[in-house]
Amino acid sequence: RLQENPFAPQLATHKLRGKLAGSWACSVGYDLRIVFDFVKSASQPEDDILLLEIGTHDEVY
């Protein structure tokens, strides 16, 4: 779902602040988070998604 539509309402995607400023996060299930960045792609018009962290809320923040 993240690859198809990173801003799907079910993901609750949001921009991060503080030490992770500039990155984004989304929710997958009750307590699983993905922290990621959008990266410009030379080969396609859409940005790529670079996964930075996957884990529980406490693990990634």
N, C-alpha and C. Protein backbone atom coordinates (compact mmCIF):
# COMPACT_ATOMS: atom_id res chain seq x y z
N ARG A 1 0.82 -1.19 0.00
CA ARG A 1 0.00 0.00 0.00
C ARG A 1 0.87 1.26 0.00
N LEU A 2 1.96 1.27 0.73
CA LEU A 2 2.84 2.44 0.79
C LEU A 2 3.36 2.81 -0.59
N GLN A 3 3.76 1.83 -1.37
CA GLN A 3 4.30 2.10 -2.70
C GLN A 3 3.22 2.64 -3.64
N GLU A 4 2.00 2.11 -3.54
CA GLU A 4 0.91 2.52 -4.42
C GLU A 4 0.42 3.93 -4.10
N ASN A 5 0.25 4.23 -2.81
CA ASN A 5 -0.25 5.54 -2.39
C ASN A 5 0.27 5.85 -0.99
N PRO A 6 1.41 6.52 -0.88
CA PRO A 6 2.00 6.78 0.43
C PRO A 6 1.12 7.65 1.33
N PHE A 7 0.12 8.31 0.76
CA PHE A 7 -0.74 9.16 1.57
C PHE A 7 -2.15 8.58 1.72
N ALA A 8 -2.27 7.27 1.57
CA ALA A 8 -3.56 6.62 1.80
C ALA A 8 -3.99 6.88 3.25
N PRO A 9 -5.24 7.19 3.48
CA PRO A 9 -5.69 7.51 4.84
C PRO A 9 -5.38 6.43 5.88
N GLN A 10 -5.41 5.16 5.46
CA GLN A 10 -5.15 4.07 6.40
C GLN A 10 -3.72 4.10 6.96
N LEU A 11 -2.80 4.71 6.23
CA LEU A 11 -1.40 4.75 6.66
C LEU A 11 -1.09 5.88 7.64
N ALA A 12 -1.95 6.89 7.65
CA ALA A 12 -1.73 8.06 8.53
C ALA A 12 -0.31 8.62 8.36
N THR A 13 0.11 8.78 7.12
CA THR A 13 1.45 9.29 6.82
C THR A 13 1.58 10.72 7.32
N HIS A 14 2.73 10.99 7.95
CA HIS A 14 2.97 12.33 8.48
C HIS A 14 4.45 12.68 8.43
N LYS A 15 4.72 13.97 8.29
CA LYS A 15 6.09 14.48 8.25
C LYS A 15 6.62 14.52 9.68
N LEU A 16 7.88 14.17 9.83
CA LEU A 16 8.48 14.10 11.16
C LEU A 16 9.22 15.39 11.51
N ARG A 17 9.40 15.59 12.81
CA ARG A 17 10.13 16.76 13.32
C ARG A 17 11.25 16.28 14.22
N GLY A 18 11.98 17.21 14.78
CA GLY A 18 13.05 16.86 15.71
C GLY A 18 14.21 16.19 15.00
N LYS A 19 14.76 15.15 15.62
CA LYS A 19 15.95 14.48 15.05
C LYS A 19 15.66 13.79 13.73
N LEU A 20 14.39 13.54 13.43
CA LEU A 20 14.01 12.89 12.17
C LEU A 20 13.38 13.87 11.18
N ALA A 21 13.58 15.16 11.41
CA ALA A 21 12.99 16.20 10.55
C ALA A 21 13.37 15.96 9.10
N GLY A 22 12.40 16.12 8.23
CA GLY A 22 12.62 15.90 6.80
C GLY A 22 12.21 14.52 6.34
N SER A 23 12.07 13.60 7.26
CA SER A 23 11.61 12.25 6.93
C SER A 23 10.10 12.16 7.16
N TRP A 24 9.55 11.06 6.76
CA TRP A 24 8.12 10.79 6.89
C TRP A 24 7.93 9.49 7.66
N ALA A 25 6.74 9.30 8.22
CA ALA A 25 6.41 8.04 8.90
C ALA A 25 4.97 7.68 8.58
N CYS A 26 4.70 6.39 8.63
CA CYS A 26 3.33 5.91 8.48
C CYS A 26 3.11 4.74 9.43
N SER A 27 1.86 4.45 9.67
CA SER A 27 1.48 3.36 10.57
C SER A 27 1.06 2.15 9.76
N VAL A 28 1.53 0.99 10.20
CA VAL A 28 1.13 -0.27 9.59
C VAL A 28 0.68 -1.16 10.74
N GLY A 29 -0.60 -1.32 10.89
CA GLY A 29 -1.10 -2.05 12.04
C GLY A 29 -1.11 -1.17 13.28
N TYR A 30 -1.37 -1.79 14.41
CA TYR A 30 -1.54 -1.03 15.65
C TYR A 30 -0.25 -0.37 16.12
N ASP A 31 0.85 -1.10 16.17
CA ASP A 31 2.08 -0.52 16.73
C ASP A 31 3.30 -0.76 15.85
N LEU A 32 3.11 -0.74 14.55
CA LEU A 32 4.24 -0.89 13.63
C LEU A 32 4.35 0.38 12.81
N ARG A 33 5.54 0.96 12.78
CA ARG A 33 5.78 2.20 12.07
C ARG A 33 6.86 1.99 11.01
N ILE A 34 6.73 2.73 9.93
CA ILE A 34 7.77 2.78 8.90
C ILE A 34 8.21 4.23 8.78
N VAL A 35 9.50 4.46 8.91
CA VAL A 35 10.09 5.79 8.71
C VAL A 35 10.77 5.75 7.34
N PHE A 36 10.50 6.76 6.52
CA PHE A 36 11.01 6.74 5.16
C PHE A 36 11.26 8.14 4.63
N ASP A 37 11.98 8.21 3.53
CA ASP A 37 12.22 9.45 2.79
C ASP A 37 11.74 9.26 1.36
N PHE A 38 11.36 10.36 0.73
CA PHE A 38 11.12 10.36 -0.70
C PHE A 38 12.44 10.75 -1.37
N VAL A 39 12.83 9.99 -2.41
CA VAL A 39 14.09 10.21 -3.10
C VAL A 39 13.80 10.40 -4.59
N LYS A 40 14.36 11.43 -5.17
CA LYS A 40 14.16 11.67 -6.61
C LYS A 40 14.70 10.50 -7.42
N SER A 41 13.93 10.12 -8.41
CA SER A 41 14.32 9.01 -9.28
C SER A 41 14.71 9.55 -10.65
N ALA A 42 15.84 9.11 -11.16
CA ALA A 42 16.28 9.54 -12.49
C ALA A 42 15.54 8.79 -13.59
N SER A 43 14.99 7.63 -13.28
CA SER A 43 14.41 6.77 -14.31
C SER A 43 12.89 6.83 -14.40
N GLN A 44 12.23 7.51 -13.46
CA GLN A 44 10.77 7.58 -13.51
C GLN A 44 10.30 8.91 -12.94
N PRO A 45 9.09 9.34 -13.31
CA PRO A 45 8.62 10.65 -12.86
C PRO A 45 8.30 10.72 -11.37
N GLU A 46 7.91 9.61 -10.77
CA GLU A 46 7.58 9.62 -9.34
C GLU A 46 8.84 9.43 -8.50
N ASP A 47 8.79 9.93 -7.28
CA ASP A 47 9.89 9.72 -6.34
C ASP A 47 9.92 8.26 -5.90
N ASP A 48 11.10 7.78 -5.57
CA ASP A 48 11.25 6.47 -4.93
C ASP A 48 11.04 6.65 -3.43
N ILE A 49 10.77 5.56 -2.74
CA ILE A 49 10.63 5.57 -1.29
C ILE A 49 11.81 4.80 -0.71
N LEU A 50 12.58 5.48 0.13
CA LEU A 50 13.73 4.88 0.79
C LEU A 50 13.34 4.57 2.23
N LEU A 51 13.25 3.28 2.57
CA LEU A 51 12.90 2.88 3.93
C LEU A 51 14.09 3.09 4.85
N LEU A 52 13.85 3.77 5.97
CA LEU A 52 14.92 4.06 6.93
C LEU A 52 14.83 3.20 8.18
N GLU A 53 13.62 3.02 8.70
CA GLU A 53 13.41 2.23 9.92
C GLU A 53 12.05 1.55 9.84
N ILE A 54 11.97 0.35 10.39
CA ILE A 54 10.70 -0.35 10.54
C ILE A 54 10.71 -0.94 11.94
N GLY A 55 9.67 -0.65 12.72
CA GLY A 55 9.61 -1.19 14.07
C GLY A 55 8.44 -0.61 14.83
N THR A 56 8.41 -0.89 16.11
CA THR A 56 7.36 -0.35 16.96
C THR A 56 7.57 1.15 17.13
N HIS A 57 6.58 1.81 17.66
CA HIS A 57 6.66 3.25 17.89
C HIS A 57 7.91 3.59 18.70
N ASP A 58 8.13 2.88 19.79
CA ASP A 58 9.28 3.16 20.66
C ASP A 58 10.61 2.86 19.98
N GLU A 59 10.65 1.88 19.10
CA GLU A 59 11.89 1.52 18.42
C GLU A 59 12.33 2.56 17.39
N VAL A 60 11.39 3.14 16.69
CA VAL A 60 11.75 4.05 15.59
C VAL A 60 11.82 5.51 16.00
N TYR A 61 11.19 5.89 17.12
CA TYR A 61 11.22 7.30 17.54
C TYR A 61 12.16 7.47 18.67
